[in-house]
PDB file of N, CA and C in Angstrom:
ATOM      1  N   MET A   1       0.845  -1.176   0.000  1.00  0.00           N
ATOM      2  CA  MET A   1       0.000   0.000   0.000  1.00  0.00           C
ATOM      3  C   MET A   1       0.888   1.235   0.000  1.00  0.00           C
ATOM      4  N   ARG A   2       0.510   2.229  -0.725  1.00  0.00           N
ATOM      5  CA  ARG A   2       1.272   3.460  -0.873  1.00  0.00           C
ATOM      6  C   ARG A   2       1.040   4.401   0.305  1.00  0.00           C
ATOM      7  N   SER A   3       2.118   4.995   0.786  1.00  0.00           N
ATOM      8  CA  SER A   3       2.042   5.931   1.901  1.00  0.00           C
ATOM      9  C   SER A   3       1.508   7.276   1.410  1.00  0.00           C
ATOM     10  N   ASN A   4       0.732   7.962   2.236  1.00  0.00           N
ATOM     11  CA  ASN A   4       0.177   9.263   1.873  1.00  0.00           C
ATOM     12  C   ASN A   4       0.939  10.423   2.501  1.00  0.00           C
ATOM     13  N   THR A   5       2.160  10.207   2.900  1.00  0.00           N
ATOM     14  CA  THR A   5       2.936  11.295   3.489  1.00  0.00           C
ATOM     15  C   THR A   5       3.380  12.267   2.414  1.00  0.00           C
ATOM     16  N   ILE A   6       3.739  13.458   2.825  1.00  0.00           N
ATOM     17  CA  ILE A   6       4.226  14.467   1.881  1.00  0.00           C
ATOM     18  C   ILE A   6       5.468  13.954   1.164  1.00  0.00           C
ATOM     19  N   GLN A   7       6.338  13.271   1.885  1.00  0.00           N
ATOM     20  CA  GLN A   7       7.568  12.779   1.285  1.00  0.00           C
ATOM     21  C   GLN A   7       7.294  11.855   0.105  1.00  0.00           C
ATOM     22  N   SER A   8       6.266  11.066   0.162  1.00  0.00           N
ATOM     23  CA  SER A   8       6.004  10.127  -0.925  1.00  0.00           C
ATOM     24  C   SER A   8       5.454  10.828  -2.159  1.00  0.00           C
ATOM     25  N   ARG A   9       4.996  12.058  -2.041  1.00  0.00           N
ATOM     26  CA  ARG A   9       4.437  12.776  -3.182  1.00  0.00           C
ATOM     27  C   ARG A   9       5.409  13.786  -3.789  1.00  0.00           C
ATOM     28  N   LEU A  10       6.536  14.015  -3.166  1.00  0.00           N
ATOM     29  CA  LEU A  10       7.493  14.973  -3.696  1.00  0.00           C
ATOM     30  C   LEU A  10       8.409  14.303  -4.707  1.00  0.00           C
ATOM     31  N   PRO A  11       8.627  14.940  -5.841  1.00  0.00           N
ATOM     32  CA  PRO A  11       9.575  14.371  -6.799  1.00  0.00           C
ATOM     33  C   PRO A  11      11.001  14.526  -6.270  1.00  0.00           C
ATOM     34  N   VAL A  12      11.848  13.645  -6.676  1.00  0.00           N
ATOM     35  CA  VAL A  12      13.232  13.655  -6.230  1.00  0.00           C
ATOM     36  C   VAL A  12      14.135  13.732  -7.449  1.00  0.00           C
ATOM     37  N   LEU A  13      15.139  14.568  -7.347  1.00  0.00           N
ATOM     38  CA  LEU A  13      16.133  14.681  -8.404  1.00  0.00           C
ATOM     39  C   LEU A  13      17.501  14.477  -7.775  1.00  0.00           C
ATOM     40  N   LEU A  14      18.203  13.473  -8.232  1.00  0.00           N
ATOM     41  CA  LEU A  14      19.553  13.209  -7.757  1.00  0.00           C
ATOM     42  C   LEU A  14      20.522  13.559  -8.870  1.00  0.00           C
ATOM     43  N   CYS A  15      21.593  14.225  -8.514  1.00  0.00           N
ATOM     44  CA  CYS A  15      22.595  14.549  -9.532  1.00  0.00           C
ATOM     45  C   CYS A  15      23.974  14.552  -8.904  1.00  0.00           C
ATOM     46  N   ASP A  16      24.963  14.385  -9.735  1.00  0.00           N
ATOM     47  CA  ASP A  16      26.356  14.434  -9.312  1.00  0.00           C
ATOM     48  C   ASP A  16      26.851  15.844  -9.570  1.00  0.00           C
ATOM     49  N   LEU A  17      26.914  16.648  -8.521  1.00  0.00           N
ATOM     50  CA  LEU A  17      27.285  18.046  -8.654  1.00  0.00           C
ATOM     51  C   LEU A  17      28.769  18.199  -8.978  1.00  0.00           C
ATOM     52  N   ASP A  18      29.618  17.583  -8.191  1.00  0.00           N
ATOM     53  CA  ASP A  18      31.061  17.745  -8.293  1.00  0.00           C
ATOM     54  C   ASP A  18      31.594  17.064  -9.549  1.00  0.00           C
ATOM     55  N   GLY A  19      32.059  17.869 -10.480  1.00  0.00           N
ATOM     56  CA  GLY A  19      32.654  17.337 -11.700  1.00  0.00           C
ATOM     57  C   GLY A  19      31.663  17.087 -12.814  1.00  0.00           C
ATOM     58  N   THR A  20      30.382  17.129 -12.523  1.00  0.00           N
ATOM     59  CA  THR A  20      29.369  16.920 -13.548  1.00  0.00           C
ATOM     60  C   THR A  20      28.682  18.238 -13.869  1.00  0.00           C
ATOM     61  N   LEU A  21      28.067  18.841 -12.877  1.00  0.00           N
ATOM     62  CA  LEU A  21      27.394  20.118 -13.088  1.00  0.00           C
ATOM     63  C   LEU A  21      28.316  21.314 -12.855  1.00  0.00           C
ATOM     64  N   ILE A  22      29.317  21.125 -12.028  1.00  0.00           N
ATOM     65  CA  ILE A  22      30.278  22.188 -11.733  1.00  0.00           C
ATOM     66  C   ILE A  22      31.685  21.623 -11.934  1.00  0.00           C
ATOM     67  N   ASP A  23      32.512  22.355 -12.679  1.00  0.00           N
ATOM     68  CA  ASP A  23      33.899  21.928 -12.887  1.00  0.00           C
ATOM     69  C   ASP A  23      34.716  22.310 -11.663  1.00  0.00           C
ATOM     70  N   THR A  24      34.833  21.388 -10.725  1.00  0.00           N
ATOM     71  CA  THR A  24      35.530  21.663  -9.466  1.00  0.00           C
ATOM     72  C   THR A  24      36.987  21.216  -9.481  1.00  0.00           C
ATOM     73  N   LEU A  25      37.436  20.592 -10.568  1.00  0.00           N
ATOM     74  CA  LEU A  25      38.810  20.087 -10.617  1.00  0.00           C
ATOM     75  C   LEU A  25      39.845  21.176 -10.327  1.00  0.00           C
ATOM     76  N   PRO A  26      39.749  22.363 -10.935  1.00  0.00           N
ATOM     77  CA  PRO A  26      40.750  23.393 -10.608  1.00  0.00           C
ATOM     78  C   PRO A  26      40.772  23.733  -9.114  1.00  0.00           C
ATOM     79  N   LEU A  27      39.613  23.835  -8.490  1.00  0.00           N
ATOM     80  CA  LEU A  27      39.554  24.142  -7.062  1.00  0.00           C
ATOM     81  C   LEU A  27      40.133  23.005  -6.229  1.00  0.00           C
ATOM     82  N   ILE A  28      39.845  21.777  -6.603  1.00  0.00           N
ATOM     83  CA  ILE A  28      40.374  20.629  -5.870  1.00  0.00           C
ATOM     84  C   ILE A  28      41.902  20.577  -5.970  1.00  0.00           C
ATOM     85  N   LEU A  29      42.437  20.809  -7.171  1.00  0.00           N
ATOM     86  CA  LEU A  29      43.894  20.826  -7.346  1.00  0.00           C
ATOM     87  C   LEU A  29      44.518  21.961  -6.537  1.00  0.00           C
ATOM     88  N   GLN A  30      43.900  23.132  -6.562  1.00  0.00           N
ATOM     89  CA  GLN A  30      44.392  24.259  -5.757  1.00  0.00           C
ATOM     90  C   GLN A  30      44.356  23.898  -4.276  1.00  0.00           C
ATOM     91  N   GLY A  31      43.315  23.180  -3.874  1.00  0.00           N
ATOM     92  CA  GLY A  31      43.205  22.748  -2.482  1.00  0.00           C
ATOM     93  C   GLY A  31      44.350  21.842  -2.069  1.00  0.00           C
ATOM     94  N   TYR A  32      44.705  20.903  -2.948  1.00  0.00           N
ATOM     95  CA  TYR A  32      45.840  20.033  -2.648  1.00  0.00           C
ATOM     96  C   TYR A  32      47.126  20.843  -2.571  1.00  0.00           C
ATOM     97  N   MET A  33      47.336  21.732  -3.530  1.00  0.00           N
ATOM     98  CA  MET A  33      48.560  22.544  -3.529  1.00  0.00           C
ATOM     99  C   MET A  33      48.642  23.400  -2.263  1.00  0.00           C
ATOM    100  N   HIS A  34      47.515  24.007  -1.892  1.00  0.00           N
ATOM    101  CA  HIS A  34      47.462  24.816  -0.677  1.00  0.00           C
ATOM    102  C   HIS A  34      47.775  23.951   0.546  1.00  0.00           C
ATOM    103  N   THR A  35      47.176  22.788   0.618  1.00  0.00           N
ATOM    104  CA  THR A  35      47.376  21.889   1.754  1.00  0.00           C
ATOM    105  C   THR A  35      48.834  21.468   1.874  1.00  0.00           C
ATOM    106  N   LEU A  36      49.422  21.062   0.774  1.00  0.00           N
ATOM    107  CA  LEU A  36      50.814  20.602   0.807  1.00  0.00           C
ATOM    108  C   LEU A  36      51.752  21.736   1.213  1.00  0.00           C
ATOM    109  N   LYS A  37      51.466  22.953   0.742  1.00  0.00           N
ATOM    110  CA  LYS A  37      52.271  24.119   1.152  1.00  0.00           C
ATOM    111  C   LYS A  37      52.109  24.389   2.644  1.00  0.00           C
ATOM    112  N   GLU A  38      50.852  24.384   3.098  1.00  0.00           N
ATOM    113  CA  GLU A  38      50.570  24.644   4.522  1.00  0.00           C
ATOM    114  C   GLU A  38      51.229  23.606   5.428  1.00  0.00           C
ATOM    115  N   MET A  39      51.348  22.399   4.926  1.00  0.00           N
ATOM    116  CA  MET A  39      51.946  21.315   5.711  1.00  0.00           C
ATOM    117  C   MET A  39      53.469  21.276   5.548  1.00  0.00           C
ATOM    118  N   GLY A  40      54.027  22.249   4.803  1.00  0.00           N
ATOM    119  CA  GLY A  40      55.479  22.381   4.713  1.00  0.00           C
ATOM    120  C   GLY A  40      56.154  21.657   3.576  1.00  0.00           C
ATOM    121  N   LEU A  41      55.408  21.172   2.603  1.00  0.00           N
ATOM    122  CA  LEU A  41      56.030  20.434   1.500  1.00  0.00           C
ATOM    123  C   LEU A  41      56.375  21.301   0.300  1.00  0.00           C
ATOM    124  N   GLY A  42      55.899  22.512   0.250  1.00  0.00           N
ATOM    125  CA  GLY A  42      56.207  23.371  -0.885  1.00  0.00           C
ATOM    126  C   GLY A  42      55.404  23.011  -2.117  1.00  0.00           C
ATOM    127  N   GLU A  43      55.982  23.275  -3.271  1.00  0.00           N
ATOM    128  CA  GLU A  43      55.296  23.066  -4.553  1.00  0.00           C
ATOM    129  C   GLU A  43      55.294  21.589  -4.953  1.00  0.00           C
ATOM    130  N   VAL A  44      54.132  21.113  -5.354  1.00  0.00           N
ATOM    131  CA  VAL A  44      53.990  19.768  -5.919  1.00  0.00           C
ATOM    132  C   VAL A  44      53.215  19.938  -7.215  1.00  0.00           C
ATOM    133  N   SER A  45      53.626  19.280  -8.268  1.00  0.00           N
ATOM    134  CA  SER A  45      53.006  19.477  -9.581  1.00  0.00           C
ATOM    135  C   SER A  45      51.576  18.925  -9.633  1.00  0.00           C
ATOM    136  N   GLU A  46      50.777  19.509 -10.518  1.00  0.00           N
ATOM    137  CA  GLU A  46      49.408  19.017 -10.733  1.00  0.00           C
ATOM    138  C   GLU A  46      49.423  17.567 -11.198  1.00  0.00           C
ATOM    139  N   GLU A  47      50.424  17.193 -11.978  1.00  0.00           N
ATOM    140  CA  GLU A  47      50.511  15.827 -12.488  1.00  0.00           C
ATOM    141  C   GLU A  47      50.653  14.827 -11.342  1.00  0.00           C
ATOM    142  N   VAL A  48      51.509  15.152 -10.372  1.00  0.00           N
ATOM    143  CA  VAL A  48      51.714  14.256  -9.230  1.00  0.00           C
ATOM    144  C   VAL A  48      50.438  14.179  -8.398  1.00  0.00           C
ATOM    145  N   ILE A  49      49.806  15.327  -8.173  1.00  0.00           N
ATOM    146  CA  ILE A  49      48.567  15.354  -7.396  1.00  0.00           C
ATOM    147  C   ILE A  49      47.465  14.583  -8.117  1.00  0.00           C
ATOM    148  N   SER A  50      47.383  14.748  -9.421  1.00  0.00           N
ATOM    149  CA  SER A  50      46.305  14.134 -10.212  1.00  0.00           C
ATOM    150  C   SER A  50      46.367  12.612 -10.258  1.00  0.00           C
ATOM    151  N   GLU A  51      47.527  12.050  -9.972  1.00  0.00           N
ATOM    152  CA  GLU A  51      47.691  10.592 -10.060  1.00  0.00           C
ATOM    153  C   GLU A  51      46.698   9.819  -9.203  1.00  0.00           C
ATOM    154  N   HIS A  52      46.295  10.376  -8.085  1.00  0.00           N
ATOM    155  CA  HIS A  52      45.439   9.633  -7.154  1.00  0.00           C
ATOM    156  C   HIS A  52      44.104  10.325  -6.893  1.00  0.00           C
ATOM    157  N   LEU A  53      43.724  11.268  -7.742  1.00  0.00           N
ATOM    158  CA  LEU A  53      42.432  11.925  -7.533  1.00  0.00           C
ATOM    159  C   LEU A  53      41.321  10.888  -7.595  1.00  0.00           C
ATOM    160  N   GLY A  54      40.355  11.054  -6.735  1.00  0.00           N
ATOM    161  CA  GLY A  54      39.252  10.102  -6.658  1.00  0.00           C
ATOM    162  C   GLY A  54      39.391   9.160  -5.477  1.00  0.00           C
ATOM    163  N   ALA A  55      40.610   9.034  -4.972  1.00  0.00           N
ATOM    164  CA  ALA A  55      40.831   8.213  -3.772  1.00  0.00           C
ATOM    165  C   ALA A  55      40.330   8.993  -2.555  1.00  0.00           C
ATOM    166  N   PRO A  56      40.011   8.306  -1.471  1.00  0.00           N
ATOM    167  CA  PRO A  56      39.648   9.036  -0.247  1.00  0.00           C
ATOM    168  C   PRO A  56      40.770  10.008   0.129  1.00  0.00           C
ATOM    169  N   LEU A  57      40.370  11.160   0.672  1.00  0.00           N
ATOM    170  CA  LEU A  57      41.342  12.213   0.976  1.00  0.00           C
ATOM    171  C   LEU A  57      42.504  11.730   1.833  1.00  0.00           C
ATOM    172  N   CYS A  58      42.221  11.053   2.922  1.00  0.00           N
ATOM    173  CA  CYS A  58      43.317  10.636   3.799  1.00  0.00           C
ATOM    174  C   CYS A  58      44.200   9.596   3.109  1.00  0.00           C
ATOM    175  N   GLY A  59      43.617   8.801   2.250  1.00  0.00           N
ATOM    176  CA  GLY A  59      44.421   7.856   1.485  1.00  0.00           C
ATOM    177  C   GLY A  59      45.337   8.574   0.513  1.00  0.00           C
ATOM    178  N   HIS A  60      44.803   9.594  -0.158  1.00  0.00           N
ATOM    179  CA  HIS A  60      45.587  10.359  -1.113  1.00  0.00           C
ATOM    180  C   HIS A  60      46.637  11.194  -0.391  1.00  0.00           C
ATOM    181  N   LEU A  61      46.212  11.944   0.621  1.00  0.00           N
ATOM    182  CA  LEU A  61      47.161  12.785   1.349  1.00  0.00           C
ATOM    183  C   LEU A  61      48.107  11.943   2.211  1.00  0.00           C
ATOM    184  N   GLY A  62      47.702  10.721   2.520  1.00  0.00           N
ATOM    185  CA  GLY A  62      48.536   9.834   3.316  1.00  0.00           C
ATOM    186  C   GLY A  62      49.839   9.462   2.652  1.00  0.00           C
ATOM    187  N   GLN A  63      49.922   9.593   1.336  1.00  0.00           N
ATOM    188  CA  GLN A  63      51.198   9.310   0.669  1.00  0.00           C
ATOM    189  C   GLN A  63      52.260  10.331   1.086  1.00  0.00           C
ATOM    190  N   TRP A  64      51.838  11.531   1.455  1.00  0.00           N
ATOM    191  CA  TRP A  64      52.760  12.558   1.937  1.00  0.00           C
ATOM    192  C   TRP A  64      52.803  12.609   3.466  1.00  0.00           C
ATOM    193  N   PHE A  65      51.689  12.226   4.093  1.00  0.00           N
ATOM    194  CA  PHE A  65      51.567  12.325   5.553  1.00  0.00           C
ATOM    195  C   PHE A  65      51.090  10.994   6.130  1.00  0.00           C
ATOM    196  N   PRO A  66      51.996  10.026   6.256  1.00  0.00           N
ATOM    197  CA  PRO A  66      51.593   8.702   6.751  1.00  0.00           C
ATOM    198  C   PRO A  66      51.181   8.701   8.222  1.00  0.00           C
ATOM    199  N   ASP A  67      51.655   9.691   8.991  1.00  0.00           N
ATOM    200  CA  ASP A  67      51.248   9.785  10.386  1.00  0.00           C
ATOM    201  C   ASP A  67      49.765  10.152  10.445  1.00  0.00           C
ATOM    202  N   GLU A  68      48.991   9.415  11.226  1.00  0.00           N
ATOM    203  CA  GLU A  68      47.541   9.596  11.268  1.00  0.00           C
ATOM    204  C   GLU A  68      47.130  11.029  11.647  1.00  0.00           C
ATOM    205  N   LYS A  69      47.788  11.597  12.640  1.00  0.00           N
ATOM    206  CA  LYS A  69      47.446  12.961  13.088  1.00  0.00           C
ATOM    207  C   LYS A  69      47.760  13.986  12.004  1.00  0.00           C
ATOM    208  N   GLU A  70      48.904  13.831  11.346  1.00  0.00           N
ATOM    209  CA  GLU A  70      49.257  14.742  10.256  1.00  0.00           C
ATOM    210  C   GLU A  70      48.275  14.605   9.101  1.00  0.00           C
ATOM    211  N   CYS A  71      47.886  13.376   8.810  1.00  0.00           N
ATOM    212  CA  CYS A  71      46.941  13.141   7.720  1.00  0.00           C
ATOM    213  C   CYS A  71      45.596  13.797   8.047  1.00  0.00           C
ATOM    214  N   GLU A  72      45.126  13.627   9.262  1.00  0.00           N
ATOM    215  CA  GLU A  72      43.864  14.254   9.668  1.00  0.00           C
ATOM    216  C   GLU A  72      43.948  15.774   9.559  1.00  0.00           C
ATOM    217  N   ARG A  73      45.082  16.330   9.966  1.00  0.00           N
ATOM    218  CA  ARG A  73      45.272  17.784   9.865  1.00  0.00           C
ATOM    219  C   ARG A  73      45.264  18.220   8.394  1.00  0.00           C
ATOM    220  N   SER A  74      45.930  17.466   7.534  1.00  0.00           N
ATOM    221  CA  SER A  74      45.970  17.829   6.117  1.00  0.00           C
ATOM    222  C   SER A  74      44.570  17.749   5.497  1.00  0.00           C
ATOM    223  N   VAL A  75      43.775  16.776   5.893  1.00  0.00           N
ATOM    224  CA  VAL A  75      42.401  16.661   5.387  1.00  0.00           C
ATOM    225  C   VAL A  75      41.583  17.870   5.826  1.00  0.00           C
ATOM    226  N   ARG A  76      41.739  18.299   7.086  1.00  0.00           N
ATOM    227  CA  ARG A  76      41.017  19.490   7.572  1.00  0.00           C
ATOM    228  C   ARG A  76      41.394  20.727   6.771  1.00  0.00           C
ATOM    229  N   ILE A  77      42.690  20.902   6.540  1.00  0.00           N
ATOM    230  CA  ILE A  77      43.159  22.059   5.767  1.00  0.00           C
ATOM    231  C   ILE A  77      42.558  22.029   4.364  1.00  0.00           C
ATOM    232  N   HIS A  78      42.604  20.863   3.740  1.00  0.00           N
ATOM    233  CA  HIS A  78      42.073  20.736   2.374  1.00  0.00           C
ATOM    234  C   HIS A  78      40.581  21.030   2.343  1.00  0.00           C
ATOM    235  N   ARG A  79      39.829  20.430   3.241  1.00  0.00           N
ATOM    236  CA  ARG A  79      38.373  20.633   3.249  1.00  0.00           C
ATOM    237  C   ARG A  79      38.007  22.081   3.502  1.00  0.00           C
ATOM    238  N   GLU A  80      38.700  22.735   4.422  1.00  0.00           N
ATOM    239  CA  GLU A  80      38.413  24.150   4.679  1.00  0.00           C
ATOM    240  C   GLU A  80      38.677  24.988   3.439  1.00  0.00           C
ATOM    241  N   TYR A  81      39.740  24.689   2.737  1.00  0.00           N
ATOM    242  CA  TYR A  81      40.095  25.453   1.541  1.00  0.00           C
ATOM    243  C   TYR A  81      39.100  25.217   0.408  1.00  0.00           C
ATOM    244  N   VAL A  82      38.705  23.965   0.219  1.00  0.00           N
ATOM    245  CA  VAL A  82      37.841  23.612  -0.918  1.00  0.00           C
ATOM    246  C   VAL A  82      36.368  23.872  -0.633  1.00  0.00           C
ATOM    247  N   PHE A  83      35.878  23.457   0.518  1.00  0.00           N
ATOM    248  CA  PHE A  83      34.436  23.496   0.752  1.00  0.00           C
ATOM    249  C   PHE A  83      33.898  24.871   1.078  1.00  0.00           C
ATOM    250  N   VAL A  84      34.675  25.740   1.679  1.00  0.00           N
ATOM    251  CA  VAL A  84      34.178  27.090   1.962  1.00  0.00           C
ATOM    252  C   VAL A  84      33.830  27.812   0.656  1.00  0.00           C
ATOM    253  N   PRO A  85      34.723  27.837  -0.347  1.00  0.00           N
ATOM    254  CA  PRO A  85      34.338  28.474  -1.620  1.00  0.00           C
ATOM    255  C   PRO A  85      33.183  27.758  -2.322  1.00  0.00           C
ATOM    256  N   MET A  86      33.120  26.436  -2.227  1.00  0.00           N
ATOM    257  CA  MET A  86      32.032  25.704  -2.894  1.00  0.00           C
ATOM    258  C   MET A  86      30.683  26.071  -2.272  1.00  0.00           C
ATOM    259  N   MET A  87      30.661  26.384  -0.989  1.00  0.00           N
ATOM    260  CA  MET A  87      29.414  26.756  -0.325  1.00  0.00           C
ATOM    261  C   MET A  87      28.911  28.114  -0.842  1.00  0.00           C
ATOM    262  N   ARG A  88      29.813  28.904  -1.397  1.00  0.00           N
ATOM    263  CA  ARG A  88      29.430  30.218  -1.915  1.00  0.00           C
ATOM    264  C   ARG A  88      28.892  30.136  -3.342  1.00  0.00           C
ATOM    265  N   MET A  89      29.076  29.006  -4.024  1.00  0.00           N
ATOM    266  CA  MET A  89      28.645  28.864  -5.432  1.00  0.00           C
ATOM    267  C   MET A  89      27.135  28.868  -5.521  1.00  0.00           C
TER     268      MET A  89
END
């Protein structure tokens, strides 16, 4: 039997925003570069960063920061850099 709640009558649209509707790759790459600089590694090329894009952040950043605490800090730095501007879009 079908439910008569409001939720069952509302249409739903699911979409992949990141990389599909909005080209976020430049911002994501800038986020990695910013994070690596903030963590003291200096300049790292886009090619090196791009090798593991799509992997979980701590897994990707873990190649530079194998220590769990450092990795967590690098993820926080990256998310703050990337997600604050995305919230303004």
